[in-house]
Every structure is written in structure tokens, then in C-alpha cells.
Amino acid sequence: MRDEFLPVNFIRPIDSKNLATLTLWLAYASVISYIAQMDVIHESTLKYIAHFTLQTIAVATLTYLASKSRFILLILVVIIFTDAVVKYAYASEMTISVWMSLLQTQSSETSAFLTDNIFIIASSFLLMTLLVLLPRPKFSSKITITAIMISLLYVVAPASINLPYHYKTLEYQNYIQTRLASGSSQVSAKTQFIMHEIGNRFALLKSLSGLVQSIDYIAFSNTISDNSWTNVVVKKNAPELLVIVIGESTRADNMSIYGYERDTTPNLNRLSETGHIKAYKNVYSAGTNTWNSLPKLLTHTPHNSIQSQTIIKLAKQAGYKPYWISNQQESDDWGRALVNITDQVNKSIFINSGEANVPLDSELIPHFNRAIEDTGKKLIILHLYATHSPFEMRYPRGSGYFKNTGNASDLETILNSYDNSIRYIDQLLSEIIRKTKQAHGSFIYFSDHGLTSIETARPLVHDIRKNVDISSLRVPLILAGKNIDALAEKKFHSLYYFECIFSAWSMISADELTENNFCKNKMEQQEITYIGADLEVRKITP
């Protein structure tokens, strides 16, 4: 009779094989829980331990239930560990920005990411392999039901209690409007909100929500809008040549023209000292990634980065012939909004085939020279690869001003390579400025977004966290040629409303920019507006 009170029903049989499987299961779940809790601030150590323990139970339970099918288990484990690797590398869940970036990553970028995160990736691959190959641990129905109940109470109960309250908040309304503007249906938007709220306890759901958002966004972006500007007006003294140079991943804080201690922009420094260019300070990007920042930069939109009235179409209606000359990969479905924008130009040239060896930006110059020689009024947009990682591949091999002697992963080597890429862009920009001025045109340069600081835990990467470091949004904005003083001196400039900056610089306007003092009001805002990695429109005080 005494045997009835022994806990042998909880885990059976207790043999070495089953114990090893169970140990591995719990080890894997605890690793995932630890990574999920890395950047979460708890009020006390006791709360951290409680969340860690309950998340471990939830992850282990979900995986155990999925293990009835090896195929389902494999898919789940791959998703969970991919999410964990991204969380470890970028301190972010698999938001829509991460999913969309994965769809357009080139082999060179993939190689750099694998090298930088080899330990966590190798560890994850080992755990995934063992979990899929090892037999299922044997539990009694009693412990299985108990684990399921604990998991549901931990994950679902708090959100279920709070959801009725959230439905009445401005946060909920903004979330739904953002999803609808990004192509989600009402049902999909509301489902994503529920997943988002539950995801506060179980981050995997936020990642799945990001996948759903990506699918909705791609489907919606395939619809090309045909919105024209109203009553386009061009000033008599407007330049006949407009040159826009769009940089990539360039931090203003790493440019000596903005006070950086290293000599990274010697040519721009000289041009500034002689009054040939004007570098505007405290300029902030419209987003944290190319795919969400650039469409917003190039359009006049009510909410986010879906294409509407573009500055290309504005210039075209004003009689300019637009060119798009790019060293970025020509996008497909992942960047349909950007494709729809570039499709509006008279001529587009993409020199980047998407293979491992990305051409140097200097290879754009011959195409730029031919465009300048064309007759009539022109808008020429040069889209650089600039300072995108891996940084050592953005300038000619062996030409680095800052010499690297350590390993590729050393902070000093990373910084030297990044600063070398800026020096290379400095030389390229000075040549483009010279040729633009020779043609009596106007020049403007900015970067689509910046990167995190070298001093952070994740140095010089896309800042896709919910609460970004403001320095990762700070980018260069440089004007040259005619109308160099187009912008008023102010506390900061936000590229979120670049259509207003473009209008002042190009001397082209339309009713949408002047009615109700739209540009005046937007440019005088006291908060920086930008699009986060989750497509949420956010504000931050500089």
C-alpha cells in the first residue's frame, strides 16, 4: 500500500535514457527562457526567477505536445531557435522588420551574421538536432495536464483579464489603424493585437504575429496606387538638375564633419569650410531599416510606409525626368512598396545582382555621368550601398585609412572598417557634388537610417528594439549647389516628413504640402517621429 504514495507516476519509467531526454528538454526550454528574459527589467530577483521558471514550463510543454509529430516538432523548434538567435543578436523579437530583412538578405550579409553569432547558432543547432532525434520523454497524464494548466494560466490569463480594458485605449486604436494601413484585414489586425498582448508573456507569439504582418504587407503592397499631386507649382528660379544621394546605414556621429574625433570626412570638411556645402545637424531618419524608412522618405503618406504620392511623381508632374541609379538589390515582393516607387522613374539602373560580391558604389558614377548629360530637367536619385555590413567590403581592399590588425570580430576592427567605409563615401560624395555644381544643379545627401553605437552591447547593427537609442536614428543631411540654405536652422530635422524638405530644396510644391500649413506644422513638431521595427509609428523627444 505504501507504494501508492510514491511519486513514481509523475515521470516513468525513470531510466537513464528517459532522464537524459527530460534533462535535454528542460535545458533547451531554460535557454530559450533565459534569452527571452535578457532585456526584460523585473522589479526583483524573485519576479525574474518566477517568470523564468514559468516560461521554461510553457516552452517545454509546447514542445512536448508538438513532439507527437516529428515534422511539426522540427518546424516549431526551428522557429523557436530562430527567434532566440535574433533575440540574442538584436535584443528584438522576430518583428515584421526582421522577417522582411530575411527575405532580402544577400549571401555576404548572411556570412557576416553567421560569423558574428557563431556560438549561439552552433549551440542552437546542436540542441535542435538532439531534440528532434531523441525519443519523446515519457510523462504521466497527470503531470502533462498540470503543465498545460500552468502554461495556460501564465501565458493566457493575464492577457484575457486585461484585453477588455485595452480595447478602450488609444493604444489599441493606433495599433489597429497601423495594421489596417499596412494591408491587414479587420480580423487579422484584431488577431495580431491578441497575439501581441499574449506575446508579452510568450514572445514566440509576437514573432508569429510579425510573420502574419509580413504576409499582409506583401499582399497589400502588390497594389500600386496612382495618386497624383494637386496643383503642382515650380518656382521660376528652381534648378533644372536635382541630385539626391541616399546613403545606407551611415551614422552622423561617425562623421568628422559632425564633430567625430576621427578624420572620416576630410573632403566634406574642406567643402564645408569653404562654404560649398552645408551640413545640417541633429537630423533623424524616418525608420530603423531601409525597407520601412525609404518608402516613407519618398512619399507623402498619412500613416506609414505604404506608397502614395511620391516625390518622384511630384518632380515628374513638374516636368522633371526622374532617374533611379542604385547599388542596392532590385527588390521583389519583400519590398513591393519600394518597387512601386522606383517603377515611377523614366529610367532605373540596378548594378547589384544580389550575389555575394556587391559592387563598390563608385561603379555608379559612369551611369550618373550619362544621366547628367541627358537633355532637359532631371531628377537623379543615387542609392548607395555605402556603409552596410560587412563594412570591410564597402571600400577597395587594402585602401583602408584606419589599419586593421586584429580579428574581424574585435571592436577596434569593426570600428576601423566602418570608419573606412565612411571615408570612401566621403571621397565619392565630393566627386558627385563637384559634377552637380558644374552642371549648375542642386545636391542633397542623407542616409536612410543609422546603426547602434560602437559602445553598445550590440555595436553597429540595425537598432530594431522597441525602445531605440536615439543616436541610431541620427543621420547626415548635406546640401550643395543652388538653394543650399533651403532649410531653416532649428533644433532638429525629421526625415519622416522628407517630402517637405524636398519641396523647400527643389522649389516644387503642391496643395497637399501647403494646405492647412501641413509642412510648416510638421516641421515645427517638438518630437521626432519614426517608424519602428514593428511598423508602429513612434515618437521620441530629442
Protein backbone atom coordinates (compact mmCIF):
# COMPACT_ATOMS: atom_id res chain seq x y z
CA MET A 1 0.00 0.00 0.00
CA ARG A 2 2.86 2.39 0.72
CA ASP A 3 3.85 2.26 -2.93
CA GLU A 4 0.67 4.14 -3.84
CA PHE A 5 2.09 7.28 -2.23
CA LEU A 6 5.41 7.23 -4.06
CA PRO A 7 5.81 9.81 -6.90
CA VAL A 8 6.56 7.14 -9.49
CA ASN A 9 3.55 8.16 -11.60
CA PHE A 10 4.95 11.58 -12.37
CA ILE A 11 7.80 10.51 -14.67
CA ARG A 12 8.03 6.94 -15.80
CA PRO A 13 9.98 4.91 -16.35
CA ILE A 14 12.94 6.56 -14.57
CA ASP A 15 15.75 5.13 -16.64
CA SER A 16 18.89 6.76 -17.93
CA LYS A 17 17.54 7.25 -21.46
CA ASN A 18 14.34 8.94 -20.33
CA LEU A 19 16.21 11.03 -17.76
CA ALA A 20 18.68 12.23 -20.40
CA THR A 21 15.84 13.20 -22.74
CA LEU A 22 13.99 15.03 -19.99
CA THR A 23 17.17 16.86 -18.94
CA LEU A 24 17.80 17.99 -22.51
CA TRP A 25 14.16 19.10 -22.86
CA LEU A 26 14.37 21.26 -19.75
CA ALA A 27 17.84 22.58 -20.69
CA TYR A 28 16.55 23.71 -24.07
CA ALA A 29 13.48 25.34 -22.50
CA SER A 30 15.59 27.13 -19.89
CA VAL A 31 17.96 28.51 -22.56
CA ILE A 32 15.01 29.89 -24.52
CA SER A 33 13.52 31.39 -21.34
CA TYR A 34 16.83 32.98 -20.38
CA ILE A 35 17.21 34.64 -23.80
CA ALA A 36 13.58 35.80 -23.71
CA GLN A 37 14.19 37.46 -20.34
CA MET A 38 17.55 39.07 -21.24
CA ASP A 39 16.28 42.60 -21.79
CA VAL A 40 13.22 42.42 -19.54
CA ILE A 41 13.53 44.52 -16.40
CA HIS A 42 11.88 43.00 -13.33
CA GLU A 43 11.26 44.69 -10.02
CA SER A 44 13.04 41.97 -8.06
CA THR A 45 15.14 38.84 -8.41
CA LEU A 46 12.18 36.82 -7.13
CA LYS A 47 9.99 38.03 -10.00
CA TYR A 48 12.71 37.21 -12.50
CA ILE A 49 13.01 33.67 -11.14
CA ALA A 50 9.23 33.25 -11.24
CA HIS A 51 8.96 34.41 -14.86
CA PHE A 52 11.95 32.34 -15.87
CA THR A 53 10.55 29.18 -14.27
CA LEU A 54 7.05 29.61 -15.68
CA GLN A 55 8.34 30.39 -19.18
CA THR A 56 10.55 27.31 -19.03
CA ILE A 57 7.49 25.18 -18.20
CA ALA A 58 5.49 26.81 -21.01
CA VAL A 59 8.20 26.30 -23.65
CA ALA A 60 8.84 22.70 -22.56
CA THR A 61 5.10 21.92 -22.57
CA LEU A 62 4.52 23.36 -26.03
CA THR A 63 7.45 21.45 -27.46
CA TYR A 64 6.37 18.23 -25.75
CA LEU A 65 2.85 18.48 -27.21
CA ALA A 66 4.27 19.19 -30.68
CA SER A 67 6.63 16.20 -30.46
CA LYS A 68 3.83 13.77 -31.30
CA SER A 69 4.74 14.65 -34.90
CA ARG A 70 8.43 14.91 -35.74
CA PHE A 71 7.65 17.20 -38.65
CA ILE A 72 5.64 19.63 -36.51
CA LEU A 73 8.32 19.44 -33.82
CA LEU A 74 11.02 20.30 -36.37
CA ILE A 75 9.12 23.35 -37.64
CA LEU A 76 8.36 24.57 -34.11
CA VAL A 77 11.91 24.09 -32.87
CA VAL A 78 13.37 25.90 -35.90
CA ILE A 79 11.02 28.86 -35.34
CA ILE A 80 11.74 28.99 -31.61
CA PHE A 81 15.50 28.84 -32.04
CA THR A 82 15.49 31.34 -34.92
CA ASP A 83 13.56 33.66 -32.65
CA ALA A 84 16.09 33.05 -29.87
CA VAL A 85 19.07 33.77 -32.13
CA VAL A 86 17.51 37.05 -33.29
CA LYS A 87 16.68 37.97 -29.69
CA TYR A 88 20.27 37.24 -28.66
CA ALA A 89 21.79 39.14 -31.61
CA TYR A 90 19.48 42.16 -31.76
CA ALA A 91 17.51 42.22 -28.48
CA SER A 92 14.30 42.01 -30.51
CA GLU A 93 11.60 39.53 -31.34
CA MET A 94 11.02 38.44 -34.94
CA THR A 95 9.17 41.61 -35.87
CA ILE A 96 7.98 42.38 -39.39
CA SER A 97 11.29 44.19 -39.97
CA VAL A 98 13.27 41.04 -39.20
CA TRP A 99 11.05 38.83 -41.37
CA MET A 100 11.24 41.27 -44.29
CA SER A 101 15.00 41.67 -43.91
CA LEU A 102 15.46 37.89 -44.00
CA LEU A 103 13.71 37.84 -47.37
CA GLN A 104 16.25 40.20 -48.95
CA THR A 105 19.49 39.28 -47.20
CA GLN A 106 22.43 38.74 -49.55
CA SER A 107 24.94 35.94 -49.09
CA SER A 108 27.68 38.31 -47.87
CA GLU A 109 25.39 39.68 -45.15
CA THR A 110 24.36 36.16 -44.16
CA SER A 111 28.00 35.14 -43.89
CA ALA A 112 28.80 38.12 -41.64
CA PHE A 113 25.81 37.39 -39.40
CA LEU A 114 26.81 33.72 -39.07
CA THR A 115 30.38 34.69 -38.19
CA ASP A 116 29.34 37.25 -35.57
CA ASN A 117 26.90 34.87 -33.87
CA ILE A 118 28.59 31.53 -34.44
CA PHE A 119 28.44 30.44 -30.78
CA ILE A 120 24.71 30.91 -30.26
CA ILE A 121 23.92 29.49 -33.71
CA ALA A 122 26.09 26.41 -33.21
CA SER A 123 24.63 25.84 -29.76
CA SER A 124 21.10 26.23 -31.10
CA PHE A 125 21.75 23.84 -33.98
CA LEU A 126 23.12 21.21 -31.58
CA LEU A 127 20.12 21.49 -29.28
CA MET A 128 17.69 21.40 -32.21
CA THR A 129 19.30 18.28 -33.63
CA LEU A 130 19.24 16.44 -30.31
CA LEU A 131 15.63 17.42 -29.60
CA VAL A 132 14.38 16.20 -32.96
CA LEU A 133 16.37 12.95 -32.91
CA LEU A 134 15.95 11.87 -29.30
CA PRO A 135 12.86 9.92 -28.25
CA ARG A 136 9.98 11.70 -26.55
CA PRO A 137 10.23 11.81 -22.73
CA LYS A 138 7.55 9.76 -21.03
CA PHE A 139 5.23 11.64 -18.66
CA SER A 140 2.14 10.56 -16.84
CA SER A 141 -1.14 12.18 -17.92
CA LYS A 142 -1.28 13.87 -14.51
CA ILE A 143 1.93 15.86 -14.96
CA THR A 144 1.08 16.63 -18.60
CA ILE A 145 -2.28 18.16 -17.68
CA THR A 146 -0.69 20.04 -14.77
CA ALA A 147 1.98 21.51 -17.06
CA ILE A 148 -0.63 22.54 -19.64
CA MET A 149 -2.76 24.26 -17.00
CA ILE A 150 0.22 26.12 -15.53
CA SER A 151 1.30 27.24 -19.02
CA LEU A 152 -2.17 28.46 -19.99
CA LEU A 153 -2.62 30.33 -16.73
CA TYR A 154 0.76 32.01 -17.10
CA VAL A 155 0.52 32.88 -20.79
CA VAL A 156 -3.17 33.47 -21.47
CA ALA A 157 -4.80 34.51 -18.19
CA PRO A 158 -3.17 37.98 -17.77
CA ALA A 159 -3.97 39.00 -21.35
CA SER A 160 -7.54 37.68 -21.05
CA ILE A 161 -8.11 39.81 -17.98
CA ASN A 162 -6.55 42.94 -19.50
CA LEU A 163 -7.92 42.70 -23.05
CA PRO A 164 -11.34 44.27 -22.31
CA TYR A 165 -9.52 47.28 -20.84
CA HIS A 166 -7.09 47.55 -23.80
CA TYR A 167 -9.95 47.61 -26.32
CA LYS A 168 -10.91 51.03 -24.95
CA THR A 169 -7.44 52.58 -25.12
CA LEU A 170 -5.84 54.86 -27.70
CA GLU A 171 -3.00 52.32 -27.96
CA TYR A 172 -5.44 49.71 -29.29
CA GLN A 173 -6.94 52.12 -31.81
CA ASN A 174 -3.49 53.15 -33.06
CA TYR A 175 -2.40 49.51 -33.32
CA ILE A 176 -5.46 48.55 -35.39
CA GLN A 177 -5.12 51.62 -37.65
CA THR A 178 -1.44 50.81 -38.25
CA ARG A 179 -2.24 47.22 -39.18
CA LEU A 180 -5.09 48.28 -41.48
CA ALA A 181 -2.83 50.83 -43.20
CA SER A 182 -0.29 48.03 -43.71
CA GLY A 183 -2.76 45.80 -45.50
CA SER A 184 -4.25 43.68 -42.70
CA SER A 185 -7.96 42.94 -42.59
CA GLN A 186 -10.03 43.80 -39.50
CA VAL A 187 -9.97 40.16 -38.39
CA SER A 188 -6.22 39.83 -38.98
CA ALA A 189 -5.48 43.14 -37.20
CA LYS A 190 -7.50 42.16 -34.13
CA THR A 191 -5.94 38.68 -34.08
CA GLN A 192 -2.48 40.24 -34.24
CA PHE A 193 -3.34 42.51 -31.31
CA ILE A 194 -4.38 39.50 -29.22
CA MET A 195 -1.15 37.69 -30.19
CA HIS A 196 0.76 40.86 -29.32
CA GLU A 197 -0.78 41.06 -25.85
CA ILE A 198 -0.32 37.37 -25.12
CA GLY A 199 3.18 37.72 -26.52
CA ASN A 200 4.09 39.90 -23.55
CA ARG A 201 4.27 36.62 -21.65
CA PHE A 202 5.24 34.33 -24.53
CA ALA A 203 7.45 36.12 -27.08
CA LEU A 204 7.05 33.43 -29.74
CA LEU A 205 3.55 34.74 -30.44
CA LYS A 206 4.96 38.19 -31.22
CA SER A 207 7.25 36.56 -33.75
CA LEU A 208 4.35 34.71 -35.36
CA SER A 209 2.43 37.99 -35.41
CA GLY A 210 5.38 39.54 -37.24
CA LEU A 211 5.15 36.77 -39.86
CA VAL A 212 1.42 37.44 -40.35
CA GLN A 213 2.13 41.17 -40.72
CA SER A 214 4.77 40.42 -43.36
CA ILE A 215 2.34 38.31 -45.41
CA ASP A 216 -0.35 41.01 -45.17
CA TYR A 217 2.14 43.74 -46.09
CA ILE A 218 3.48 41.90 -49.14
CA ALA A 219 -0.02 41.17 -50.42
CA PHE A 220 -1.15 44.76 -49.89
CA SER A 221 1.99 46.31 -51.39
CA ASN A 222 1.33 44.49 -54.66
CA THR A 223 -1.47 47.01 -55.20
CA ILE A 224 0.03 50.00 -56.96
CA SER A 225 -1.53 53.30 -56.02
CA ASP A 226 -1.92 56.02 -58.64
CA ASN A 227 -2.29 59.16 -56.56
CA SER A 228 -1.23 62.34 -58.32
CA TRP A 229 -0.36 65.64 -56.69
CA THR A 230 -2.75 68.59 -56.94
CA ASN A 231 -1.79 71.96 -58.44
CA VAL A 232 1.95 71.38 -58.71
CA VAL A 233 3.90 74.65 -58.78
CA VAL A 234 7.58 75.19 -59.68
CA LYS A 235 9.37 78.43 -58.82
CA LYS A 236 10.96 80.27 -61.71
CA ASN A 237 14.47 80.04 -60.25
CA ALA A 238 14.22 76.31 -59.47
CA PRO A 239 17.30 74.31 -60.59
CA GLU A 240 16.94 72.15 -63.69
CA LEU A 241 19.14 69.42 -62.21
CA LEU A 242 18.20 67.82 -58.89
CA VAL A 243 20.56 65.19 -57.45
CA ILE A 244 19.56 63.09 -54.42
CA VAL A 245 22.11 60.71 -52.91
CA ILE A 246 20.66 58.20 -50.46
CA GLY A 247 23.18 56.62 -48.10
CA GLU A 248 22.87 53.34 -46.24
CA SER A 249 23.43 52.66 -42.51
CA THR A 250 25.53 55.81 -42.03
CA ARG A 251 25.74 57.35 -38.57
CA ALA A 252 26.19 61.11 -38.39
CA ASP A 253 28.05 60.56 -35.12
CA ASN A 254 30.83 58.73 -37.02
CA MET A 255 31.43 61.60 -39.47
CA SER A 256 34.07 64.18 -38.61
CA ILE A 257 32.02 66.89 -40.33
CA TYR A 258 29.62 66.43 -37.39
CA GLY A 259 32.36 66.57 -34.75
CA TYR A 260 33.55 62.95 -34.69
CA GLU A 261 37.13 62.83 -33.40
CA ARG A 262 38.43 60.57 -36.19
CA ASP A 263 39.11 62.09 -39.60
CA THR A 264 36.44 60.24 -41.58
CA THR A 265 35.22 63.02 -43.91
CA PRO A 266 38.27 65.11 -44.94
CA ASN A 267 36.78 66.12 -48.32
CA LEU A 268 33.41 67.14 -46.89
CA ASN A 269 35.21 69.04 -44.14
CA ARG A 270 37.08 71.14 -46.71
CA LEU A 271 33.92 71.78 -48.74
CA SER A 272 32.13 72.87 -45.59
CA GLU A 273 34.95 75.20 -44.51
CA THR A 274 34.88 76.93 -47.90
CA GLY A 275 31.09 77.27 -47.89
CA HIS A 276 30.47 74.89 -50.79
CA ILE A 277 28.22 72.59 -48.74
CA LYS A 278 26.04 72.88 -45.67
CA ALA A 279 25.75 70.02 -43.18
CA TYR A 280 22.57 70.18 -41.12
CA LYS A 281 22.88 68.90 -37.57
CA ASN A 282 20.53 66.75 -35.48
CA VAL A 283 18.76 65.08 -38.40
CA TYR A 284 16.79 61.90 -37.65
CA SER A 285 15.75 59.11 -40.01
CA ALA A 286 12.20 58.04 -40.77
CA GLY A 287 12.77 54.44 -39.67
CA THR A 288 15.23 51.85 -38.43
CA ASN A 289 15.56 49.79 -41.63
CA THR A 290 15.80 50.52 -45.35
CA TRP A 291 12.55 48.75 -46.21
CA ASN A 292 10.40 50.75 -43.77
CA SER A 293 12.34 54.04 -43.81
CA LEU A 294 12.90 54.64 -47.50
CA PRO A 295 9.29 54.26 -48.74
CA LYS A 296 8.22 56.74 -46.05
CA LEU A 297 11.03 59.13 -47.00
CA LEU A 298 9.95 59.15 -50.62
CA THR A 299 6.21 59.50 -50.11
CA HIS A 300 3.57 61.79 -48.68
CA THR A 301 1.60 59.36 -46.56
CA PRO A 302 -0.95 59.78 -43.78
CA HIS A 303 0.33 57.00 -41.56
CA ASN A 304 3.22 54.75 -42.58
CA SER A 305 5.40 53.42 -45.37
CA ILE A 306 2.83 52.37 -47.94
CA GLN A 307 3.35 54.16 -51.25
CA SER A 308 1.09 57.06 -52.10
CA GLN A 309 2.12 60.40 -53.59
CA THR A 310 5.88 60.21 -54.15
CA ILE A 311 8.48 62.93 -54.55
CA ILE A 312 9.35 61.21 -57.85
CA LYS A 313 5.82 61.76 -59.10
CA LEU A 314 5.90 65.33 -57.78
CA ALA A 315 9.05 66.07 -59.78
CA LYS A 316 7.63 64.29 -62.81
CA GLN A 317 4.46 66.39 -62.73
CA ALA A 318 6.73 69.45 -62.51
CA GLY A 319 8.40 68.49 -65.79
CA TYR A 320 11.48 66.66 -64.50
CA LYS A 321 12.73 63.37 -65.94
CA PRO A 322 13.48 61.07 -62.97
CA TYR A 323 16.32 58.51 -62.87
CA TRP A 324 16.93 55.83 -60.22
CA ILE A 325 20.54 54.57 -60.19
CA SER A 326 21.12 52.02 -57.44
CA ASN A 327 23.74 49.78 -55.90
CA GLN A 328 21.04 48.10 -53.84
CA GLN A 329 19.49 44.84 -54.94
CA GLU A 330 16.38 45.26 -57.08
CA SER A 331 13.60 44.23 -54.70
CA ASP A 332 10.81 41.77 -55.34
CA ASP A 333 7.82 41.03 -53.13
CA TRP A 334 9.62 41.84 -49.87
CA GLY A 335 9.96 45.47 -50.88
CA ARG A 336 6.98 45.89 -53.21
CA ALA A 337 6.28 49.37 -51.87
CA LEU A 338 9.78 50.48 -52.89
CA VAL A 339 9.46 48.71 -56.25
CA ASN A 340 6.25 50.59 -56.93
CA ILE A 341 8.09 53.83 -56.22
CA THR A 342 11.11 53.08 -58.41
CA ASP A 343 8.77 51.95 -61.20
CA GLN A 344 7.66 55.59 -61.50
CA VAL A 345 11.01 56.78 -62.89
CA ASN A 346 11.80 57.16 -66.58
CA LYS A 347 14.91 55.04 -66.24
CA SER A 348 16.15 52.73 -63.48
CA ILE A 349 19.56 51.07 -63.24
CA PHE A 350 20.47 48.41 -60.65
CA ILE A 351 24.11 47.29 -60.69
CA ASN A 352 23.76 44.94 -57.70
CA SER A 353 22.72 41.45 -58.80
CA GLY A 354 22.17 40.26 -55.24
CA GLU A 355 25.16 37.92 -55.26
CA ALA A 356 27.96 37.77 -52.71
CA ASN A 357 30.26 40.42 -54.21
CA VAL A 358 28.39 43.72 -54.06
CA PRO A 359 29.94 46.29 -56.43
CA LEU A 360 31.62 49.34 -54.96
CA ASP A 361 29.50 52.49 -55.03
CA SER A 362 31.99 54.17 -57.36
CA GLU A 363 30.64 51.95 -60.15
CA LEU A 364 27.52 54.12 -60.13
CA ILE A 365 29.48 57.15 -61.38
CA PRO A 366 29.55 56.26 -65.13
CA HIS A 367 25.76 55.86 -65.06
CA PHE A 368 25.45 59.16 -63.18
CA ASN A 369 27.62 60.93 -65.78
CA ARG A 370 25.44 59.71 -68.63
CA ALA A 371 22.26 60.81 -66.83
CA ILE A 372 23.67 64.30 -66.24
CA GLU A 373 24.45 64.67 -69.96
CA ASP A 374 20.84 63.97 -70.90
CA THR A 375 18.83 67.00 -72.03
CA GLY A 376 16.00 68.69 -70.14
CA LYS A 377 15.14 68.96 -66.46
CA LYS A 378 16.24 65.92 -64.45
CA LEU A 379 15.86 64.35 -61.01
CA ILE A 380 18.69 61.85 -60.48
CA ILE A 381 18.50 59.61 -57.41
CA LEU A 382 21.63 57.64 -56.49
CA HIS A 383 21.02 54.86 -53.96
CA LEU A 384 24.31 53.76 -52.37
CA TYR A 385 25.27 50.60 -50.51
CA ALA A 386 27.54 52.92 -48.53
CA THR A 387 28.32 51.66 -45.02
CA HIS A 388 26.23 48.48 -44.96
CA SER A 389 27.79 45.46 -43.25
CA PRO A 390 30.14 43.74 -43.78
CA PHE A 391 31.95 47.07 -43.64
CA GLU A 392 35.32 45.83 -44.91
CA MET A 393 33.68 45.04 -48.28
CA ARG A 394 32.42 48.60 -48.84
CA TYR A 395 35.79 50.06 -49.90
CA PRO A 396 38.69 48.81 -52.07
CA ARG A 397 40.69 46.06 -50.40
CA GLY A 398 43.89 47.34 -48.81
CA SER A 399 42.90 51.01 -49.07
CA GLY A 400 41.69 51.47 -45.50
CA TYR A 401 42.94 54.61 -43.76
CA PHE A 402 42.43 53.04 -40.34
CA LYS A 403 44.54 49.87 -40.34
CA ASN A 404 43.16 46.60 -39.00
CA THR A 405 45.49 44.28 -37.14
CA GLY A 406 43.09 42.20 -35.02
CA ASN A 407 40.38 39.65 -35.72
CA ALA A 408 37.31 40.61 -37.72
CA SER A 409 35.15 40.36 -34.58
CA ASP A 410 37.31 42.74 -32.50
CA LEU A 411 35.57 46.01 -31.68
CA GLU A 412 38.53 48.04 -32.91
CA THR A 413 38.50 46.17 -36.23
CA ILE A 414 34.74 46.63 -36.63
CA LEU A 415 35.04 50.36 -35.92
CA ASN A 416 38.03 50.79 -38.23
CA SER A 417 36.23 49.05 -41.08
CA TYR A 418 33.08 51.11 -40.56
CA ASP A 419 35.00 54.38 -40.45
CA ASN A 420 36.98 53.34 -43.54
CA SER A 421 33.70 52.84 -45.40
CA ILE A 422 32.66 56.38 -44.43
CA ARG A 423 35.97 57.77 -45.74
CA TYR A 424 35.30 56.02 -49.04
CA ILE A 425 31.81 57.55 -49.25
CA ASP A 426 33.32 60.94 -48.38
CA GLN A 427 35.50 60.75 -51.49
CA LEU A 428 32.57 59.62 -53.65
CA LEU A 429 30.24 62.37 -52.39
CA SER A 430 32.81 65.09 -53.07
CA GLU A 431 33.04 63.92 -56.70
CA ILE A 432 29.24 63.87 -57.13
CA ILE A 433 28.99 67.35 -55.58
CA ARG A 434 31.66 68.69 -57.93
CA LYS A 435 29.88 67.35 -61.02
CA THR A 436 26.47 68.56 -59.80
CA LYS A 437 27.79 72.09 -59.26
CA GLN A 438 29.48 72.08 -62.66
CA ALA A 439 26.04 71.35 -64.15
CA HIS A 440 24.51 74.20 -62.04
CA GLY A 441 22.34 71.73 -60.15
CA SER A 442 21.24 71.19 -56.57
CA PHE A 443 22.55 68.33 -54.41
CA ILE A 444 21.14 66.72 -51.27
CA TYR A 445 22.52 63.73 -49.35
CA PHE A 446 21.12 61.79 -46.41
CA SER A 447 21.20 58.25 -45.06
CA ASP A 448 18.12 56.04 -44.84
CA HIS A 449 18.94 55.12 -41.22
CA GLY A 450 21.86 54.80 -38.83
CA LEU A 451 23.19 51.98 -36.65
CA THR A 452 23.75 51.41 -32.95
CA SER A 453 26.79 52.95 -31.30
CA ILE A 454 30.09 51.06 -31.06
CA GLU A 455 29.77 51.43 -27.30
CA THR A 456 26.57 49.37 -27.00
CA ALA A 457 26.28 45.66 -26.26
CA ARG A 458 25.38 45.11 -29.95
CA PRO A 459 27.66 47.55 -31.78
CA LEU A 460 26.99 48.95 -35.26
CA VAL A 461 23.90 46.93 -36.13
CA HIS A 462 20.32 47.86 -37.04
CA ASP A 463 18.54 49.08 -33.94
CA ILE A 464 15.29 47.11 -34.15
CA ARG A 465 14.47 47.25 -30.46
CA LYS A 466 11.16 48.69 -29.32
CA ASN A 467 12.95 51.49 -27.46
CA VAL A 468 15.71 52.58 -29.82
CA ASP A 469 18.84 54.54 -28.94
CA ILE A 470 18.28 57.99 -30.39
CA SER A 471 21.84 58.05 -31.80
CA SER A 472 20.94 55.15 -34.10
CA LEU A 473 18.36 57.42 -35.76
CA ARG A 474 20.77 60.36 -36.19
CA VAL A 475 21.92 60.60 -39.82
CA PRO A 476 23.71 63.10 -42.09
CA LEU A 477 21.88 65.68 -44.19
CA ILE A 478 24.10 67.70 -46.55
CA LEU A 479 23.10 70.26 -49.20
CA ALA A 480 25.22 71.73 -52.01
CA GLY A 481 24.76 73.77 -55.17
CA LYS A 482 21.74 76.01 -55.66
CA ASN A 483 19.43 76.67 -52.71
CA ILE A 484 21.97 75.46 -50.16
CA ASP A 485 20.14 77.36 -47.39
CA ALA A 486 16.75 75.85 -48.21
CA LEU A 487 16.14 74.68 -44.65
CA ALA A 488 15.77 76.89 -41.62
CA GLU A 489 18.15 76.39 -38.70
CA LYS A 490 16.25 74.59 -35.97
CA LYS A 491 16.65 72.22 -33.05
CA PHE A 492 16.33 69.13 -35.26
CA HIS A 493 15.06 67.93 -38.64
CA SER A 494 12.94 64.79 -39.10
CA LEU A 495 13.22 62.86 -42.37
CA TYR A 496 9.82 61.38 -41.58
CA TYR A 497 8.48 64.43 -43.40
CA PHE A 498 11.13 64.47 -46.12
CA GLU A 499 8.52 65.49 -48.71
CA CYS A 500 8.56 68.91 -47.01
CA ILE A 501 12.37 69.08 -47.06
CA PHE A 502 12.32 68.05 -50.72
CA SER A 503 9.76 70.71 -51.55
CA ALA A 504 11.80 73.50 -49.91
CA TRP A 505 15.04 72.31 -51.55
CA SER A 506 13.67 71.63 -55.06
CA MET A 507 11.31 74.64 -55.09
CA ILE A 508 8.47 72.36 -56.18
CA SER A 509 5.23 72.41 -54.22
CA ALA A 510 1.63 71.15 -54.33
CA ASP A 511 -1.63 71.70 -52.47
CA GLU A 512 -1.05 68.64 -50.27
CA LEU A 513 2.07 70.29 -48.83
CA THR A 514 0.70 73.79 -48.36
CA GLU A 515 -2.93 73.33 -47.36
CA ASN A 516 -3.59 73.85 -43.65
CA ASN A 517 0.12 74.69 -43.28
CA PHE A 518 0.94 70.98 -43.48
CA CYS A 519 4.72 71.30 -43.90
CA LYS A 520 5.01 74.27 -41.55
CA ASN A 521 3.23 72.40 -38.77
CA LYS A 522 5.02 69.09 -39.30
CA MET A 523 8.49 70.64 -39.46
CA GLU A 524 7.89 72.53 -36.22
CA GLN A 525 6.96 69.49 -34.15
CA GLN A 526 8.91 69.09 -30.92
CA GLU A 527 9.14 65.29 -31.12
CA ILE A 528 10.97 63.04 -33.56
CA THR A 529 8.60 60.78 -35.49
CA TYR A 530 9.86 57.48 -36.90
CA ILE A 531 8.62 54.02 -37.88
CA GLY A 532 9.68 51.24 -35.51
CA ALA A 533 10.71 47.73 -36.47
CA ASP A 534 7.12 46.57 -35.87
CA LEU A 535 5.71 49.25 -38.25
CA GLU A 536 4.38 51.23 -35.30
CA VAL A 537 4.70 55.00 -35.73
CA ARG A 538 6.63 56.18 -32.68
CA LYS A 539 7.74 59.49 -31.22
CA ILE A 540 10.80 60.33 -29.18
CA THR A 541 11.97 63.57 -27.58
CA PRO A 542 15.48 64.63 -28.71
